[in-house]
PDB file of N, CA and C in Angstrom:
ATOM      1  N   MET A   1      99.543 106.805  24.629  1.00  0.00           N
ATOM      2  CA  MET A   1      99.972 106.900  25.780  1.00  0.00           C
ATOM      3  C   MET A   1     100.184 108.387  26.323  1.00  0.00           C
ATOM      4  N   THR A   2      99.920 108.883  27.460  1.00  0.00           N
ATOM      5  CA  THR A   2     100.456 110.185  27.904  1.00  0.00           C
ATOM      6  C   THR A   2     100.375 110.144  29.026  1.00  0.00           C
ATOM      7  N   SER A   3     101.513 110.673  30.336  1.00  0.00           N
ATOM      8  CA  SER A   3     101.507 111.306  31.852  1.00  0.00           C
ATOM      9  C   SER A   3     101.896 112.635  31.727  1.00  0.00           C
ATOM     10  N   GLY A   4     101.317 113.519  32.619  1.00  0.00           N
ATOM     11  CA  GLY A   4     101.391 114.496  32.741  1.00  0.00           C
ATOM     12  C   GLY A   4     101.062 115.210  33.921  1.00  0.00           C
ATOM     13  N   GLY A   5     100.907 116.473  34.302  1.00  0.00           N
ATOM     14  CA  GLY A   5     100.266 116.812  35.182  1.00  0.00           C
ATOM     15  C   GLY A   5     100.900 118.248  35.515  1.00  0.00           C
ATOM     16  N   GLY A   6     100.064 118.935  36.516  1.00  0.00           N
ATOM     17  CA  GLY A   6     100.706 120.380  37.182  1.00  0.00           C
ATOM     18  C   GLY A   6     101.361 120.705  37.640  1.00  0.00           C
ATOM     19  N   ASP A   7     101.698 121.673  37.998  1.00  0.00           N
ATOM     20  CA  ASP A   7     102.795 121.829  39.393  1.00  0.00           C
ATOM     21  C   ASP A   7     102.074 121.732  40.852  1.00  0.00           C
ATOM     22  N   GLU A   8     101.075 121.332  40.798  1.00  0.00           N
ATOM     23  CA  GLU A   8     100.434 120.889  42.592  1.00  0.00           C
ATOM     24  C   GLU A   8      99.713 119.874  41.803  1.00  0.00           C
ATOM     25  N   GLY A   9      99.196 119.300  42.991  1.00  0.00           N
ATOM     26  CA  GLY A   9      98.465 117.953  42.914  1.00  0.00           C
ATOM     27  C   GLY A   9      98.838 116.572  42.220  1.00  0.00           C
ATOM     28  N   PRO A  10      98.129 115.589  41.501  1.00  0.00           N
ATOM     29  CA  PRO A  10      98.288 114.341  41.151  1.00  0.00           C
ATOM     30  C   PRO A  10      98.667 114.013  39.708  1.00  0.00           C
ATOM     31  N   ARG A  11      99.652 113.385  39.882  1.00  0.00           N
ATOM     32  CA  ARG A  11     100.231 113.329  38.245  1.00  0.00           C
ATOM     33  C   ARG A  11      98.862 112.220  37.209  1.00  0.00           C
ATOM     34  N   ALA A  12      98.771 112.373  35.732  1.00  0.00           N
ATOM     35  CA  ALA A  12      97.534 111.904  34.953  1.00  0.00           C
ATOM     36  C   ALA A  12      98.346 110.685  34.578  1.00  0.00           C
ATOM     37  N   LEU A  13      97.462 109.324  34.234  1.00  0.00           N
ATOM     38  CA  LEU A  13      98.293 108.664  33.501  1.00  0.00           C
ATOM     39  C   LEU A  13      96.907 108.416  32.190  1.00  0.00           C
ATOM     40  N   LEU A  14      97.198 108.857  31.263  1.00  0.00           N
ATOM     41  CA  LEU A  14      95.654 108.195  30.304  1.00  0.00           C
ATOM     42  C   LEU A  14      96.307 107.351  28.639  1.00  0.00           C
ATOM     43  N   ALA A  15      96.169 106.870  28.417  1.00  0.00           N
ATOM     44  CA  ALA A  15      95.721 105.697  27.522  1.00  0.00           C
ATOM     45  C   ALA A  15      94.837 105.564  26.739  1.00  0.00           C
ATOM     46  N   ARG A  16      94.678 105.024  25.637  1.00  0.00           N
ATOM     47  CA  ARG A  16      93.635 104.929  24.107  1.00  0.00           C
ATOM     48  C   ARG A  16      94.823 103.233  24.254  1.00  0.00           C
ATOM     49  N   VAL A  17      93.675 102.368  24.342  1.00  0.00           N
ATOM     50  CA  VAL A  17      94.514 100.779  24.035  1.00  0.00           C
ATOM     51  C   VAL A  17      93.149 100.331  23.376  1.00  0.00           C
ATOM     52  N   ASP A  18      93.597  99.189  22.607  1.00  0.00           N
ATOM     53  CA  ASP A  18      92.849  98.406  21.516  1.00  0.00           C
ATOM     54  C   ASP A  18      91.747  97.849  22.337  1.00  0.00           C
ATOM     55  N   PRO A  19      89.988  97.346  22.118  1.00  0.00           N
ATOM     56  CA  PRO A  19      89.230  96.958  22.893  1.00  0.00           C
ATOM     57  C   PRO A  19      89.413  95.128  23.125  1.00  0.00           C
ATOM     58  N   SER A  20      90.653  94.852  22.473  1.00  0.00           N
ATOM     59  CA  SER A  20      91.150  93.475  22.898  1.00  0.00           C
ATOM     60  C   SER A  20      91.715  93.284  24.251  1.00  0.00           C
ATOM     61  N   VAL A  21      92.392  94.447  24.726  1.00  0.00           N
ATOM     62  CA  VAL A  21      92.654  94.690  26.010  1.00  0.00           C
ATOM     63  C   VAL A  21      91.665  94.420  27.192  1.00  0.00           C
ATOM     64  N   ARG A  22      91.615  93.089  28.326  1.00  0.00           N
ATOM     65  CA  ARG A  22      90.778  93.316  29.319  1.00  0.00           C
ATOM     66  C   ARG A  22      91.415  94.095  30.336  1.00  0.00           C
ATOM     67  N   ARG A  23      92.503  93.717  30.316  1.00  0.00           N
ATOM     68  CA  ARG A  23      93.293  94.561  31.551  1.00  0.00           C
ATOM     69  C   ARG A  23      94.696  95.142  31.555  1.00  0.00           C
ATOM     70  N   LEU A  24      94.867  96.449  32.167  1.00  0.00           N
ATOM     71  CA  LEU A  24      96.057  96.698  31.701  1.00  0.00           C
ATOM     72  C   LEU A  24      96.602  97.308  33.506  1.00  0.00           C
ATOM     73  N   GLU A  25      97.892  96.951  33.301  1.00  0.00           N
ATOM     74  CA  GLU A  25      98.893  96.609  34.689  1.00  0.00           C
ATOM     75  C   GLU A  25      99.961  97.720  34.282  1.00  0.00           C
ATOM     76  N   LEU A  26     100.527  98.845  35.198  1.00  0.00           N
ATOM     77  CA  LEU A  26     101.062  99.495  35.147  1.00  0.00           C
ATOM     78  C   LEU A  26     102.286  99.316  36.201  1.00  0.00           C
ATOM     79  N   ARG A  27     103.324  99.628  35.789  1.00  0.00           N
ATOM     80  CA  ARG A  27     104.540  98.614  36.320  1.00  0.00           C
ATOM     81  C   ARG A  27     104.991 100.273  37.022  1.00  0.00           C
ATOM     82  N   VAL A  28     105.681 100.397  38.360  1.00  0.00           N
ATOM     83  CA  VAL A  28     106.243 101.803  39.176  1.00  0.00           C
ATOM     84  C   VAL A  28     107.974 100.987  39.262  1.00  0.00           C
ATOM     85  N   GLN A  29     108.547 101.955  39.034  1.00  0.00           N
ATOM     86  CA  GLN A  29     110.274 101.612  39.063  1.00  0.00           C
ATOM     87  C   GLN A  29     110.176 100.518  40.632  1.00  0.00           C
ATOM     88  N   ASP A  30     109.706 100.462  41.672  1.00  0.00           N
ATOM     89  CA  ASP A  30     110.215 100.409  42.757  1.00  0.00           C
ATOM     90  C   ASP A  30     109.575  99.122  42.815  1.00  0.00           C
ATOM     91  N   GLY A  31     108.888  98.495  41.307  1.00  0.00           N
ATOM     92  CA  GLY A  31     108.603  96.833  41.445  1.00  0.00           C
ATOM     93  C   GLY A  31     107.322  96.733  41.654  1.00  0.00           C
ATOM     94  N   THR A  32     106.268  97.515  42.147  1.00  0.00           N
ATOM     95  CA  THR A  32     105.261  97.542  42.326  1.00  0.00           C
ATOM     96  C   THR A  32     103.890  97.446  40.946  1.00  0.00           C
ATOM     97  N   THR A  33     103.092  96.902  41.142  1.00  0.00           N
ATOM     98  CA  THR A  33     102.246  96.922  39.658  1.00  0.00           C
ATOM     99  C   THR A  33     100.644  97.740  40.291  1.00  0.00           C
ATOM    100  N   LEU A  34     100.201  98.401  38.946  1.00  0.00           N
ATOM    101  CA  LEU A  34      98.515  99.428  39.847  1.00  0.00           C
ATOM    102  C   LEU A  34      97.841  98.464  38.296  1.00  0.00           C
ATOM    103  N   ASP A  35      96.456  98.257  38.835  1.00  0.00           N
ATOM    104  CA  ASP A  35      95.640  97.853  37.677  1.00  0.00           C
ATOM    105  C   ASP A  35      95.139  99.202  36.975  1.00  0.00           C
ATOM    106  N   VAL A  36      95.025  99.480  36.321  1.00  0.00           N
ATOM    107  CA  VAL A  36      94.623 100.435  35.926  1.00  0.00           C
ATOM    108  C   VAL A  36      93.129 101.047  35.107  1.00  0.00           C
ATOM    109  N   PRO A  37      92.399 100.643  35.254  1.00  0.00           N
ATOM    110  CA  PRO A  37      90.687 100.901  35.116  1.00  0.00           C
ATOM    111  C   PRO A  37      90.562 101.624  33.605  1.00  0.00           C
ATOM    112  N   LEU A  38      90.101 100.383  33.252  1.00  0.00           N
ATOM    113  CA  LEU A  38      89.210 101.016  31.474  1.00  0.00           C
ATOM    114  C   LEU A  38      88.122 101.349  31.514  1.00  0.00           C
ATOM    115  N   TYR A  39      88.182 102.499  30.976  1.00  0.00           N
ATOM    116  CA  TYR A  39      86.600 102.758  30.350  1.00  0.00           C
ATOM    117  C   TYR A  39      85.929 102.492  28.999  1.00  0.00           C
ATOM    118  N   ASP A  40      85.020 102.081  28.727  1.00  0.00           N
ATOM    119  CA  ASP A  40      84.458 101.823  27.193  1.00  0.00           C
ATOM    120  C   ASP A  40      83.305 103.070  27.049  1.00  0.00           C
ATOM    121  N   CYS A  41      83.412 103.431  25.813  1.00  0.00           N
ATOM    122  CA  CYS A  41      82.981 104.527  24.707  1.00  0.00           C
ATOM    123  C   CYS A  41      81.440 103.851  24.149  1.00  0.00           C
ATOM    124  N   PRO A  42      80.717 103.548  24.861  1.00  0.00           N
ATOM    125  CA  PRO A  42      79.486 103.013  24.354  1.00  0.00           C
ATOM    126  C   PRO A  42      78.355 102.731  23.244  1.00  0.00           C
ATOM    127  N   ASN A  43      78.840 104.634  22.440  1.00  0.00           N
ATOM    128  CA  ASN A  43      78.454 104.854  21.289  1.00  0.00           C
ATOM    129  C   ASN A  43      80.117 104.898  20.297  1.00  0.00           C
ATOM    130  N   ILE A  44      81.145 104.593  20.483  1.00  0.00           N
ATOM    131  CA  ILE A  44      82.532 104.208  19.854  1.00  0.00           C
ATOM    132  C   ILE A  44      82.787 102.755  20.403  1.00  0.00           C
ATOM    133  N   PRO A  45      82.584 101.597  20.161  1.00  0.00           N
ATOM    134  CA  PRO A  45      82.528 100.250  19.990  1.00  0.00           C
ATOM    135  C   PRO A  45      84.132 100.377  20.240  1.00  0.00           C
ATOM    136  N   GLU A  46      84.454 100.630  19.018  1.00  0.00           N
ATOM    137  CA  GLU A  46      86.144 100.560  18.951  1.00  0.00           C
ATOM    138  C   GLU A  46      87.297 101.315  19.685  1.00  0.00           C
ATOM    139  N   VAL A  47      86.656 102.214  20.505  1.00  0.00           N
ATOM    140  CA  VAL A  47      87.649 103.122  21.206  1.00  0.00           C
ATOM    141  C   VAL A  47      86.987 102.794  23.054  1.00  0.00           C
ATOM    142  N   ARG A  48      88.455 102.760  23.898  1.00  0.00           N
ATOM    143  CA  ARG A  48      88.688 102.279  25.288  1.00  0.00           C
ATOM    144  C   ARG A  48      89.762 103.061  25.409  1.00  0.00           C
ATOM    145  N   PHE A  49      89.483 103.438  26.830  1.00  0.00           N
ATOM    146  CA  PHE A  49      90.832 104.356  27.168  1.00  0.00           C
ATOM    147  C   PHE A  49      90.970 104.061  28.692  1.00  0.00           C
ATOM    148  N   ALA A  50      92.120 104.004  29.134  1.00  0.00           N
ATOM    149  CA  ALA A  50      92.255 103.711  30.251  1.00  0.00           C
ATOM    150  C   ALA A  50      92.808 105.207  30.997  1.00  0.00           C
ATOM    151  N   SER A  51      92.569 105.236  32.367  1.00  0.00           N
ATOM    152  CA  SER A  51      93.180 106.418  33.091  1.00  0.00           C
ATOM    153  C   SER A  51      93.101 106.051  34.571  1.00  0.00           C
ATOM    154  N   LEU A  52      94.205 106.999  35.069  1.00  0.00           N
ATOM    155  CA  LEU A  52      95.105 106.523  36.664  1.00  0.00           C
ATOM    156  C   LEU A  52      95.299 107.839  37.111  1.00  0.00           C
ATOM    157  N   LEU A  53      94.637 108.107  38.207  1.00  0.00           N
ATOM    158  CA  LEU A  53      95.927 109.333  38.719  1.00  0.00           C
ATOM    159  C   LEU A  53      96.911 108.714  40.140  1.00  0.00           C
ATOM    160  N   LEU A  54      97.666 109.960  40.265  1.00  0.00           N
ATOM    161  CA  LEU A  54      98.902 108.983  40.980  1.00  0.00           C
ATOM    162  C   LEU A  54      99.810 109.853  41.607  1.00  0.00           C
ATOM    163  N   PRO A  55     100.675 109.189  42.596  1.00  0.00           N
ATOM    164  CA  PRO A  55     101.008 110.473  43.445  1.00  0.00           C
ATOM    165  C   PRO A  55     102.341 110.722  42.414  1.00  0.00           C
ATOM    166  N   ARG A  56     102.471 112.610  42.663  1.00  0.00           N
ATOM    167  CA  ARG A  56     103.607 112.967  42.060  1.00  0.00           C
ATOM    168  C   ARG A  56     104.985 112.588  41.880  1.00  0.00           C
ATOM    169  N   ASP A  57     105.274 111.777  43.145  1.00  0.00           N
ATOM    170  CA  ASP A  57     106.606 111.044  42.911  1.00  0.00           C
ATOM    171  C   ASP A  57     106.618 109.323  42.923  1.00  0.00           C
ATOM    172  N   VAL A  58     105.701 108.947  42.573  1.00  0.00           N
ATOM    173  CA  VAL A  58     105.673 107.731  41.621  1.00  0.00           C
ATOM    174  C   VAL A  58     106.513 107.792  40.621  1.00  0.00           C
ATOM    175  N   ALA A  59     107.408 106.928  40.021  1.00  0.00           N
ATOM    176  CA  ALA A  59     108.417 106.927  38.867  1.00  0.00           C
ATOM    177  C   ALA A  59     107.701 105.853  37.979  1.00  0.00           C
ATOM    178  N   LEU A  60     106.988 105.663  37.199  1.00  0.00           N
ATOM    179  CA  LEU A  60     106.601 104.869  35.966  1.00  0.00           C
ATOM    180  C   LEU A  60     107.697 104.356  34.996  1.00  0.00           C
ATOM    181  N   GLU A  61     107.228 102.875  34.715  1.00  0.00           N
ATOM    182  CA  GLU A  61     108.174 101.655  34.391  1.00  0.00           C
ATOM    183  C   GLU A  61     107.882 101.517  33.095  1.00  0.00           C
ATOM    184  N   SER A  62     106.663 101.017  33.038  1.00  0.00           N
ATOM    185  CA  SER A  62     106.372 100.748  32.210  1.00  0.00           C
ATOM    186  C   SER A  62     104.371 100.111  32.120  1.00  0.00           C
ATOM    187  N   VAL A  63     103.632  99.987  31.390  1.00  0.00           N
ATOM    188  CA  VAL A  63     102.329  99.848  31.045  1.00  0.00           C
ATOM    189  C   VAL A  63     102.159  98.486  30.034  1.00  0.00           C
ATOM    190  N   ALA A  64     101.622  97.554  30.383  1.00  0.00           N
ATOM    191  CA  ALA A  64     101.074  96.282  30.058  1.00  0.00           C
ATOM    192  C   ALA A  64      99.850  95.827  29.445  1.00  0.00           C
ATOM    193  N   GLY A  65      99.249  95.712  28.633  1.00  0.00           N
ATOM    194  CA  GLY A  65      97.803  95.414  28.214  1.00  0.00           C
ATOM    195  C   GLY A  65      97.473  93.963  28.408  1.00  0.00           C
ATOM    196  N   PHE A  66      97.024  93.247  28.919  1.00  0.00           N
ATOM    197  CA  PHE A  66      96.313  91.868  28.960  1.00  0.00           C
ATOM    198  C   PHE A  66      95.103  91.318  28.273  1.00  0.00           C
ATOM    199  N   GLY A  67      94.985  90.393  27.593  1.00  0.00           N
ATOM    200  CA  GLY A  67      93.949  90.148  27.040  1.00  0.00           C
ATOM    201  C   GLY A  67      92.807  88.946  28.048  1.00  0.00           C
ATOM    202  N   ALA A  68      91.648  88.455  27.202  1.00  0.00           N
ATOM    203  CA  ALA A  68      90.465  88.124  27.839  1.00  0.00           C
ATOM    204  C   ALA A  68      91.368  86.895  28.707  1.00  0.00           C
ATOM    205  N   LYS A  69      92.304  86.311  28.396  1.00  0.00           N
ATOM    206  CA  LYS A  69      93.108  84.885  28.899  1.00  0.00           C
ATOM    207  C   LYS A  69      93.718  85.618  29.946  1.00  0.00           C
ATOM    208  N   ASN A  70      93.987  86.689  30.088  1.00  0.00           N
ATOM    209  CA  ASN A  70      94.944  86.707  30.668  1.00  0.00           C
ATOM    210  C   ASN A  70      96.413  86.805  30.423  1.00  0.00           C
ATOM    211  N   GLU A  71      96.724  86.498  28.913  1.00  0.00           N
ATOM    212  CA  GLU A  71      97.986  86.551  27.980  1.00  0.00           C
ATOM    213  C   GLU A  71      98.120  88.278  28.107  1.00  0.00           C
ATOM    214  N   GLU A  72      99.540  88.086  28.001  1.00  0.00           N
ATOM    215  CA  GLU A  72     100.484  89.997  27.798  1.00  0.00           C
ATOM    216  C   GLU A  72      99.842  90.120  26.080  1.00  0.00           C
ATOM    217  N   LEU A  73      99.367  91.270  25.761  1.00  0.00           N
ATOM    218  CA  LEU A  73      99.202  91.286  24.327  1.00  0.00           C
ATOM    219  C   LEU A  73     100.358  92.301  23.809  1.00  0.00           C
ATOM    220  N   GLU A  74     100.609  93.668  25.129  1.00  0.00           N
ATOM    221  CA  GLU A  74     101.486  94.525  24.635  1.00  0.00           C
ATOM    222  C   GLU A  74     102.123  95.361  25.677  1.00  0.00           C
ATOM    223  N   ARG A  75     103.423  95.648  25.756  1.00  0.00           N
ATOM    224  CA  ARG A  75     104.023  96.180  27.040  1.00  0.00           C
ATOM    225  C   ARG A  75     104.319  97.540  26.626  1.00  0.00           C
ATOM    226  N   PHE A  76     104.707  98.717  27.170  1.00  0.00           N
ATOM    227  CA  PHE A  76     104.763 100.289  26.655  1.00  0.00           C
ATOM    228  C   PHE A  76     105.642 100.854  27.713  1.00  0.00           C
ATOM    229  N   ASP A  77     106.739 100.987  27.342  1.00  0.00           N
ATOM    230  CA  ASP A  77     107.783 101.929  27.970  1.00  0.00           C
ATOM    231  C   ASP A  77     108.081 103.001  28.754  1.00  0.00           C
ATOM    232  N   LEU A  78     107.933 103.240  29.682  1.00  0.00           N
ATOM    233  CA  LEU A  78     107.013 104.521  29.676  1.00  0.00           C
ATOM    234  C   LEU A  78     108.083 105.304  30.893  1.00  0.00           C
ATOM    235  N   ARG A  79     109.378 104.834  30.415  1.00  0.00           N
ATOM    236  CA  ARG A  79     110.740 105.531  31.179  1.00  0.00           C
ATOM    237  C   ARG A  79     110.800 107.100  30.087  1.00  0.00           C
ATOM    238  N   PHE A  80     110.903 107.007  28.874  1.00  0.00           N
ATOM    239  CA  PHE A  80     110.930 108.407  28.453  1.00  0.00           C
ATOM    240  C   PHE A  80     109.643 109.158  29.286  1.00  0.00           C
ATOM    241  N   TYR A  81     108.742 108.915  29.509  1.00  0.00           N
ATOM    242  CA  TYR A  81     107.730 109.596  29.719  1.00  0.00           C
ATOM    243  C   TYR A  81     107.700 110.379  31.439  1.00  0.00           C
ATOM    244  N   GLN A  82     108.513 108.964  31.964  1.00  0.00           N
ATOM    245  CA  GLN A  82     109.385 109.499  33.249  1.00  0.00           C
ATOM    246  C   GLN A  82     110.336 110.748  33.104  1.00  0.00           C
ATOM    247  N   GLY A  83     111.121 110.444  32.122  1.00  0.00           N
ATOM    248  CA  GLY A  83     112.499 111.502  32.003  1.00  0.00           C
ATOM    249  C   GLY A  83     111.761 112.775  31.968  1.00  0.00           C
ATOM    250  N   ARG A  84     110.860 113.119  30.438  1.00  0.00           N
ATOM    251  CA  ARG A  84     110.285 113.833  30.735  1.00  0.00           C
ATOM    252  C   ARG A  84     109.795 115.217  31.933  1.00  0.00           C
ATOM    253  N   TRP A  85     108.965 113.881  32.715  1.00  0.00           N
ATOM    254  CA  TRP A  85     108.360 114.471  34.050  1.00  0.00           C
ATOM    255  C   TRP A  85     109.206 114.687  34.783  1.00  0.00           C
ATOM    256  N   GLU A  86     110.340 114.022  35.271  1.00  0.00           N
ATOM    257  CA  GLU A  86     111.695 114.644  35.873  1.00  0.00           C
ATOM    258  C   GLU A  86     112.658 115.928  35.856  1.00  0.00           C
ATOM    259  N   ASP A  87     112.541 115.851  34.242  1.00  0.00           N
ATOM    260  CA  ASP A  87     113.153 117.184  33.755  1.00  0.00           C
ATOM    261  C   ASP A  87     112.466 118.413  33.813  1.00  0.00           C
ATOM    262  N   ARG A  88     110.708 118.570  34.139  1.00  0.00           N
ATOM    263  CA  ARG A  88     109.900 119.714  34.313  1.00  0.00           C
ATOM    264  C   ARG A  88     109.502 119.512  35.552  1.00  0.00           C
ATOM    265  N   HIS A  89     109.634 118.722  36.456  1.00  0.00           N
ATOM    266  CA  HIS A  89     109.537 119.088  37.765  1.00  0.00           C
ATOM    267  C   HIS A  89     110.528 119.033  38.761  1.00  0.00           C
TER     268      HIS A  89
END
């Protein structure tokens, strides 16, 4: 998982997720949730990525991966990345 961006333009969220993840949900600090698009690599079936461009002022809270039955598989806290972003921008 990583989050970053330059001095201008949108912020990027990029994650490598397990192939069992069928949906990735981003929660921002205002309580809003966003679905993060997933991308497979046909030549390497064990690799799945998720990426999303975000406005620079969105404060990240967490990202959660959900399985085929919409069960939460794992949640990752993004407040560390958010703090680093705020320190640099």
